């Protein structure tokens, strides 16, 4: 017990004793304030990151809108800051009636180096802020491109319509060069015009065209023959024969005029004149088959068997298997009493194939009569 009492007394003494020494301090953690330089570093990193995002956004926008350029266009004496839209995707927007429209054409010549945007001005200090100026490399075009811009004001604010870039296309130009035709070319031209006019029923105009053809080239025989035929078709026979006779006298080596004259006279039953117009074609080695056949037919009709024989003999020598010429020669010989030669020609005719049935019956009948 004494020990416990002694401990209690010691405690009381300690409590009643004045506190001369301060109580010991508690241990604590010394927290230091962050260095101000670190704040600047963090701020710089954030600004760089934000700038990088902005730069990336601009590059992305530029890649989508290739060819975007900020241009300065003067509209009615006042400069307007403009941003050119993409010319490839652009479609011109309709302009509202209340809008104020200003159009201007700008020709961008091919630059020797990438162009830059500068000197962008406001129209008025009170109007909308300037559009952002975008600096971008412009690909030099292969040739100058003319762009038509359309700018309009909507609610006192400049509005840029999309534009369509127009590449100038070289269009063929019409140039008229007078060409002088030769006499033959002019004659051929008038002759063809006359044929077209005749086909459309305009005979008088066709005759005038053929006369012009003959004035340009008097030796253009087709025009003279067509002219004469047109007069004969209009029942102006004398004029037709006069044109043909004039041509035959001017060009005696051309047999077409004589043949046409003989045909007209033969249809008019003027047989002797028709035969005379042919001028004995069997005597001319250059006579056409047409003139020889016509002369032989007319002579046979007139019972001029000798002239008929002479014309048909020439034709038979040219084509021995021609059935019409062979039977005509046999009849001409038969008409002169040349029986033996006529029988020979009749038999040759009957040996041909695909002959006319009526002529075949006539040849057989004449052979039966001559054999008696």
Protein backbone atom coordinates (compact mmCIF):
# COMPACT_ATOMS: atom_id res chain seq x y z
CA UNK A 1 0.00 0.00 0.00
CA UNK A 2 2.79 2.39 0.76
CA UNK A 3 4.09 2.00 -2.70
CA UNK A 4 0.70 2.86 -4.21
CA UNK A 5 0.29 5.84 -1.89
CA UNK A 6 3.70 7.03 -2.86
CA UNK A 7 2.84 6.84 -6.54
CA UNK A 8 -0.38 8.79 -5.98
CA UNK A 9 1.51 11.48 -4.06
CA UNK A 10 3.97 11.79 -6.88
CA UNK A 11 1.18 12.25 -9.32
CA UNK A 12 -0.45 14.96 -7.25
CA UNK A 13 2.83 16.75 -6.90
CA UNK A 14 3.33 16.69 -10.61
CA UNK A 15 -0.09 18.11 -11.23
CA UNK A 16 0.26 20.87 -8.70
CA UNK A 17 3.76 21.78 -9.73
CA UNK A 18 4.08 24.80 -12.11
CA UNK A 19 4.84 23.95 -15.74
CA UNK A 20 8.22 25.39 -16.33
CA UNK A 21 8.97 23.62 -19.59
CA UNK A 22 6.80 23.79 -22.64
CA UNK A 23 5.13 20.67 -23.83
CA UNK A 24 7.03 18.87 -26.43
CA UNK A 25 5.96 19.63 -30.07
CA UNK A 26 4.26 17.02 -32.20
CA UNK A 27 5.97 15.81 -35.27
CA UNK A 28 4.34 17.04 -38.55
CA UNK A 29 4.85 16.72 -42.29
CA UNK A 30 6.41 19.75 -43.90
CA UNK A 31 4.32 20.50 -47.04
CA UNK A 32 6.13 22.68 -49.49
CA UNK A 33 4.27 24.92 -52.01
CA UNK A 34 4.74 23.99 -55.68
CA UNK A 35 7.32 25.79 -57.72
CA UNK A 36 5.77 28.60 -59.84
CA UNK A 37 7.88 27.54 -62.86
CA UNK A 38 5.98 24.27 -63.10
CA UNK A 39 2.76 26.20 -63.62
CA UNK A 40 4.22 27.97 -66.66
CA UNK A 41 5.46 24.71 -68.07
CA UNK A 42 2.00 23.11 -67.75
CA UNK A 43 0.38 26.20 -69.29
CA UNK A 44 2.81 26.13 -72.25
CA UNK A 45 2.10 22.44 -72.83
CA UNK A 46 -1.64 23.08 -72.83
CA UNK A 47 -1.29 26.01 -75.24
CA UNK A 48 0.91 23.99 -77.59
CA UNK A 49 -1.60 21.15 -77.54
CA UNK A 50 -4.48 23.53 -78.26
CA UNK A 51 -2.48 25.20 -81.05
CA UNK A 52 -1.69 21.81 -82.54
CA UNK A 53 -5.40 20.93 -82.52
CA UNK A 54 -6.26 24.20 -84.24
CA UNK A 55 -3.52 23.71 -86.84
CA UNK A 56 -4.69 20.14 -87.49
CA UNK A 57 -8.29 21.35 -87.89
CA UNK A 58 -7.19 23.96 -90.43
CA UNK A 59 -5.15 21.40 -92.36
CA UNK A 60 -8.09 18.98 -92.35
CA UNK A 61 -10.41 21.72 -93.61
CA UNK A 62 -7.89 22.68 -96.31
CA UNK A 63 -7.50 19.07 -97.48
CA UNK A 64 -11.27 18.76 -97.93
CA UNK A 65 -11.55 22.06 -99.73
CA UNK A 66 -8.68 21.84 -102.14
CA UNK A 67 -8.12 25.07 -103.97
CA UNK A 68 -9.64 27.27 -101.23
CA UNK A 69 -8.15 30.71 -101.36
CA UNK A 70 -8.89 34.03 -99.87
CA UNK A 71 -9.10 36.72 -102.54
CA UNK A 72 -9.67 40.40 -102.47
CA UNK A 73 -12.37 41.55 -104.88
CA UNK A 74 -13.39 45.09 -105.53
CA UNK A 75 -17.15 45.43 -105.74
CA UNK A 76 -18.40 48.79 -106.99
CA UNK A 77 -15.39 50.67 -105.66
CA UNK A 78 -15.48 48.98 -102.19
CA UNK A 79 -13.11 46.15 -101.33
CA UNK A 80 -14.77 43.06 -99.86
CA UNK A 81 -12.83 40.32 -98.09
CA UNK A 82 -13.74 37.07 -99.78
CA UNK A 83 -13.00 33.39 -99.32
CA UNK A 84 -13.08 31.39 -102.53
CA UNK A 85 -14.98 28.15 -102.26
CA UNK A 86 -13.85 24.92 -103.83
CA UNK A 87 -14.26 25.29 -107.56
CA UNK A 88 -14.60 21.53 -108.16
CA UNK A 89 -17.53 20.92 -105.82
CA UNK A 90 -19.08 24.31 -106.26
CA UNK A 91 -22.64 24.85 -107.41
CA UNK A 92 -24.00 28.32 -107.92
CA UNK A 93 -26.67 29.12 -105.32
CA UNK A 94 -29.83 30.92 -106.39
CA UNK A 95 -29.74 34.63 -105.62
CA UNK A 96 -32.74 35.98 -103.70
CA UNK A 97 -34.59 38.90 -105.24
CA UNK A 98 -33.85 41.18 -102.26
CA UNK A 99 -30.15 40.45 -102.33
CA UNK A 100 -27.69 42.87 -103.77
CA UNK A 101 -25.64 40.97 -106.32
CA UNK A 102 -22.28 41.96 -107.63
CA UNK A 103 -20.54 39.84 -110.25
CA UNK A 104 -16.99 40.17 -111.36
CA UNK A 105 -14.63 38.00 -113.40
CA UNK A 106 -11.14 37.46 -112.09
CA UNK A 107 -8.44 35.87 -114.23
CA UNK A 108 -5.83 34.05 -112.17
CA UNK A 109 -2.64 33.89 -114.18
CA UNK A 110 -0.33 31.00 -113.54
CA UNK A 111 1.89 31.94 -110.55
CA UNK A 112 5.56 31.12 -110.50
CA UNK A 113 5.38 30.37 -106.75
CA UNK A 114 2.69 29.58 -104.16
CA UNK A 115 0.48 32.59 -103.63
CA UNK A 116 -0.23 34.05 -100.20
CA UNK A 117 -3.21 35.98 -98.88
CA UNK A 118 -2.70 39.48 -97.60
CA UNK A 119 -4.13 42.95 -97.45
CA UNK A 120 -7.60 41.81 -96.36
CA UNK A 121 -9.77 44.78 -95.47
CA UNK A 122 -13.20 45.33 -93.99
CA UNK A 123 -15.90 47.01 -96.01
CA UNK A 124 -16.92 49.19 -93.06
CA UNK A 125 -15.86 49.12 -89.38
CA UNK A 126 -19.50 48.61 -88.36
CA UNK A 127 -20.07 45.57 -90.55
CA UNK A 128 -19.32 41.97 -89.78
CA UNK A 129 -15.86 40.91 -88.75
CA UNK A 130 -13.37 39.98 -91.38
CA UNK A 131 -13.56 36.44 -92.61
CA UNK A 132 -10.61 34.40 -91.42
CA UNK A 133 -7.67 34.63 -93.79
CA UNK A 134 -6.35 31.22 -94.73
CA UNK A 135 -2.86 30.93 -96.07
CA UNK A 136 -2.60 27.99 -98.35
CA UNK A 137 -0.39 26.79 -101.16
CA UNK A 138 -2.07 27.06 -104.52
CA UNK A 139 -1.24 24.49 -107.18
CA UNK A 140 -0.25 26.38 -110.32
CA UNK A 141 -2.82 25.61 -113.03
CA UNK A 142 -1.74 24.27 -116.38
CA UNK A 143 -3.35 27.26 -118.09
CA UNK A 144 -5.10 30.46 -117.02
CA UNK A 145 -8.47 29.80 -115.45
CA UNK A 146 -11.23 32.35 -115.53
CA UNK A 147 -13.47 32.20 -112.47
CA UNK A 148 -16.84 33.91 -112.25
CA UNK A 149 -17.54 35.08 -108.68
CA UNK A 150 -20.93 35.86 -107.26
CA UNK A 151 -21.07 37.91 -104.04
CA UNK A 152 -24.25 39.05 -102.43
CA UNK A 153 -25.24 40.92 -99.32
CA UNK A 154 -27.78 39.32 -97.07
CA UNK A 155 -28.92 41.32 -94.04
CA UNK A 156 -26.04 43.78 -94.56
CA UNK A 157 -23.52 40.95 -94.30
CA UNK A 158 -21.33 39.73 -97.14
CA UNK A 159 -22.30 36.25 -98.23
CA UNK A 160 -20.15 34.26 -100.62
CA UNK A 161 -21.89 32.01 -103.09
CA UNK A 162 -20.12 28.98 -104.42
CA UNK A 163 -18.51 29.49 -107.79
CA UNK A 164 -17.90 27.35 -110.80
CA UNK A 165 -14.48 27.50 -112.37
CA UNK A 166 -14.72 27.68 -116.14
CA UNK A 167 -11.76 26.55 -118.17
CA UNK A 168 -11.74 28.36 -121.51
CA UNK A 169 -12.38 25.90 -124.32
CA UNK A 170 -11.11 26.67 -127.77
CA UNK A 171 -14.12 26.75 -130.06
CA UNK A 172 -13.85 26.35 -133.80
CA UNK A 173 -14.30 29.61 -135.60
CA UNK A 174 -16.17 29.90 -138.87
CA UNK A 175 -14.16 31.51 -141.59
CA UNK A 176 -15.53 32.11 -145.06
CA UNK A 177 -12.97 32.07 -147.82
CA UNK A 178 -14.21 32.90 -151.29
CA UNK A 179 -13.28 30.21 -153.80
CA UNK A 180 -13.30 30.93 -157.50
CA UNK A 181 -14.77 28.04 -159.49
CA UNK A 182 -13.45 27.02 -162.85
CA UNK A 183 -15.72 27.13 -165.88
CA UNK A 184 -16.26 23.36 -165.78
CA UNK A 185 -16.97 23.35 -162.04
CA UNK A 186 -19.50 26.15 -162.45
CA UNK A 187 -21.14 24.30 -165.35
CA UNK A 188 -21.40 21.10 -163.30
CA UNK A 189 -22.82 23.01 -160.35
CA UNK A 190 -25.54 24.67 -162.45
CA UNK A 191 -26.32 21.34 -164.12
CA UNK A 192 -26.92 19.63 -160.77
CA UNK A 193 -29.02 22.54 -159.59
CA UNK A 194 -31.14 22.21 -162.74
CA UNK A 195 -31.73 18.50 -162.06
CA UNK A 196 -32.91 19.25 -158.53
CA UNK A 197 -35.20 22.01 -159.76
CA UNK A 198 -36.62 19.72 -162.44
CA UNK A 199 -37.26 17.05 -159.81
CA UNK A 200 -39.22 19.55 -157.73
CA UNK A 201 -41.34 20.51 -160.78
CA UNK A 202 -39.80 23.93 -161.40
CA UNK A 203 -39.01 23.45 -165.09
CA UNK A 204 -38.46 27.10 -165.97
CA UNK A 205 -35.87 27.57 -163.23
CA UNK A 206 -34.21 24.32 -164.29
CA UNK A 207 -33.96 25.59 -167.87
CA UNK A 208 -32.35 28.80 -166.64
CA UNK A 209 -29.80 26.80 -164.64
CA UNK A 210 -28.91 24.66 -167.66
CA UNK A 211 -28.54 27.77 -169.83
CA UNK A 212 -26.15 29.22 -167.22
CA UNK A 213 -24.25 25.93 -167.32
CA UNK A 214 -23.86 26.19 -171.09
CA UNK A 215 -22.73 29.82 -170.85
CA UNK A 216 -20.04 28.77 -168.42
CA UNK A 217 -19.01 25.72 -170.48
CA UNK A 218 -20.56 25.45 -174.00
CA UNK A 219 -19.19 21.92 -174.44
CA UNK A 220 -21.08 20.59 -171.43
CA UNK A 221 -23.29 18.22 -173.49
CA UNK A 222 -25.41 16.89 -170.61
CA UNK A 223 -26.77 20.36 -169.87
CA UNK A 224 -27.73 20.89 -173.55
CA UNK A 225 -29.42 17.49 -173.81
CA UNK A 226 -31.38 18.10 -170.59
CA UNK A 227 -32.39 21.54 -171.82
CA UNK A 228 -33.63 20.13 -175.16
CA UNK A 229 -35.48 17.29 -173.46
CA UNK A 230 -37.23 19.76 -171.15
CA UNK A 231 -38.50 21.76 -174.15
CA UNK A 232 -39.67 18.58 -175.86
CA UNK A 233 -41.46 17.51 -172.68
CA UNK A 234 -43.17 20.92 -172.65
CA UNK A 235 -44.31 20.21 -176.28
CA UNK A 236 -41.97 22.86 -177.64
CA UNK A 237 -40.49 20.52 -180.24
CA UNK A 238 -39.03 23.11 -182.58
CA UNK A 239 -37.06 24.75 -179.78
CA UNK A 240 -35.78 21.34 -178.66
CA UNK A 241 -34.66 20.42 -182.21
CA UNK A 242 -33.03 23.83 -182.64
CA UNK A 243 -30.96 23.39 -179.48
CA UNK A 244 -29.86 19.91 -180.59
CA UNK A 245 -29.02 21.00 -184.12
CA UNK A 246 -26.95 23.90 -182.75
CA UNK A 247 -25.03 21.50 -180.56
CA UNK A 248 -24.52 18.98 -183.38
CA UNK A 249 -23.11 21.67 -185.67
CA UNK A 250 -20.78 22.96 -182.94
CA UNK A 251 -19.60 19.50 -181.89
CA UNK A 252 -20.01 17.08 -184.83
CA UNK A 253 -17.97 14.37 -183.12
CA UNK A 254 -20.56 14.05 -180.38
CA UNK A 255 -23.29 11.66 -181.56
CA UNK A 256 -25.70 12.18 -178.67
CA UNK A 257 -27.30 15.23 -180.29
CA UNK A 258 -28.03 13.34 -183.53
CA UNK A 259 -29.48 10.34 -181.69
CA UNK A 260 -31.78 12.56 -179.65
CA UNK A 261 -32.89 14.46 -182.75
CA UNK A 262 -33.63 11.17 -184.56
CA UNK A 263 -35.68 9.88 -181.63
CA UNK A 264 -37.80 13.03 -181.52
CA UNK A 265 -38.36 12.96 -185.28
CA UNK A 266 -39.13 9.23 -185.25
CA UNK A 267 -41.84 9.76 -182.61
CA UNK A 268 -43.29 12.45 -184.83
CA UNK A 269 -43.33 9.96 -187.71
CA UNK A 270 -40.85 12.05 -189.62
CA UNK A 271 -38.83 8.97 -190.48
CA UNK A 272 -36.73 10.21 -193.36
CA UNK A 273 -35.63 13.25 -191.39
CA UNK A 274 -34.86 11.01 -188.45
CA UNK A 275 -32.71 8.69 -190.61
CA UNK A 276 -30.97 11.67 -192.18
CA UNK A 277 -30.22 13.12 -188.75
CA UNK A 278 -28.18 10.02 -187.92
CA UNK A 279 -25.94 10.59 -190.96
CA UNK A 280 -25.30 6.93 -191.88
CA UNK A 281 -23.68 5.71 -188.68
CA UNK A 282 -22.52 2.41 -190.28
CA UNK A 283 -19.89 4.46 -192.14
CA UNK A 284 -18.36 5.66 -188.90
CA UNK A 285 -16.37 3.08 -186.98
CA UNK A 286 -16.90 5.13 -183.81
CA UNK A 287 -20.66 5.10 -184.08
CA UNK A 288 -22.47 3.99 -180.95
CA UNK A 289 -24.60 0.85 -180.84
CA UNK A 290 -27.60 3.04 -180.10
CA UNK A 291 -27.21 5.10 -183.26
CA UNK A 292 -26.64 1.95 -185.39
CA UNK A 293 -29.69 0.16 -183.95
CA UNK A 294 -31.89 3.23 -184.40
CA UNK A 295 -30.72 3.76 -187.98
CA UNK A 296 -31.29 0.10 -188.84
CA UNK A 297 -34.78 0.14 -187.31
CA UNK A 298 -35.80 3.31 -189.20
CA UNK A 299 -34.34 2.00 -192.46
CA UNK A 300 -36.19 -1.32 -192.01
CA UNK A 301 -39.44 0.57 -191.36
CA UNK A 302 -38.88 2.49 -194.59
CA UNK A 303 -38.01 -0.81 -196.36
CA UNK A 304 -34.54 0.51 -197.03
CA UNK A 305 -33.12 -2.99 -196.71
CA UNK A 306 -29.63 -2.16 -197.82
CA UNK A 307 -29.12 0.54 -195.15
CA UNK A 308 -30.78 -1.70 -192.60
CA UNK A 309 -28.43 -4.59 -193.53
CA UNK A 310 -25.37 -2.35 -193.31
CA UNK A 311 -26.25 -1.09 -189.84
CA UNK A 312 -27.23 -4.51 -188.47
CA UNK A 313 -24.19 -6.20 -189.98
CA UNK A 314 -21.93 -3.88 -187.99
CA UNK A 315 -23.87 -4.67 -184.84
CA UNK A 316 -23.75 -8.44 -185.55
CA UNK A 317 -19.99 -8.28 -185.93
CA UNK A 318 -19.72 -6.53 -182.55
CA UNK A 319 -21.99 -9.05 -180.79
CA UNK A 320 -22.77 -12.23 -182.82
CA UNK A 321 -25.06 -13.80 -180.18
CA UNK A 322 -27.36 -10.83 -179.77
CA UNK A 323 -30.72 -12.31 -180.83
CA UNK A 324 -32.41 -9.05 -181.81
CA UNK A 325 -29.59 -7.90 -184.03
CA UNK A 326 -29.23 -11.36 -185.58
CA UNK A 327 -32.92 -11.71 -186.51
CA UNK A 328 -32.95 -8.10 -187.79
CA UNK A 329 -29.99 -8.88 -190.05
CA UNK A 330 -31.75 -12.04 -191.32
CA UNK A 331 -34.90 -10.03 -192.13
CA UNK A 332 -32.83 -7.37 -193.92
CA UNK A 333 -31.13 -10.06 -196.07
CA UNK A 334 -34.48 -11.75 -196.66
CA UNK A 335 -35.92 -8.42 -197.80
CA UNK A 336 -33.19 -8.08 -200.44
CA UNK A 337 -33.71 -11.64 -201.71
CA UNK A 338 -30.44 -12.94 -200.30
CA UNK A 339 -32.06 -16.29 -199.51
CA UNK A 340 -29.06 -18.46 -198.65
CA UNK A 341 -27.52 -15.97 -196.24
CA UNK A 342 -30.93 -15.17 -194.77
CA UNK A 343 -31.58 -18.89 -194.08
CA UNK A 344 -28.19 -19.16 -192.38
CA UNK A 345 -28.98 -16.25 -190.10
CA UNK A 346 -32.44 -17.65 -189.28
CA UNK A 347 -30.92 -21.02 -188.28
CA UNK A 348 -28.29 -19.26 -186.13
CA UNK A 349 -31.06 -17.35 -184.41
CA UNK A 350 -33.03 -20.56 -183.66
CA UNK A 351 -29.92 -22.11 -182.09
CA UNK A 352 -29.75 -19.32 -179.50
CA UNK A 353 -31.33 -19.86 -176.10
CA UNK A 354 -33.79 -17.60 -174.35
CA UNK A 355 -34.97 -15.99 -177.56
CA UNK A 356 -38.29 -14.24 -177.99
CA UNK A 357 -41.03 -16.80 -178.74
CA UNK A 358 -42.77 -14.66 -181.34
CA UNK A 359 -39.50 -14.07 -183.20
CA UNK A 360 -38.75 -17.78 -182.97
CA UNK A 361 -42.07 -18.69 -184.61
CA UNK A 362 -41.44 -16.12 -187.34
CA UNK A 363 -37.95 -17.53 -188.07
CA UNK A 364 -39.33 -21.10 -188.34
CA UNK A 365 -42.14 -20.00 -190.64
CA UNK A 366 -39.74 -18.11 -192.95
CA UNK A 367 -37.40 -21.10 -193.15
CA UNK A 368 -40.34 -23.35 -194.10
CA UNK A 369 -41.38 -20.90 -196.81
CA UNK A 370 -37.83 -20.42 -198.15
CA UNK A 371 -37.19 -24.19 -198.31
CA UNK A 372 -40.08 -24.75 -200.75
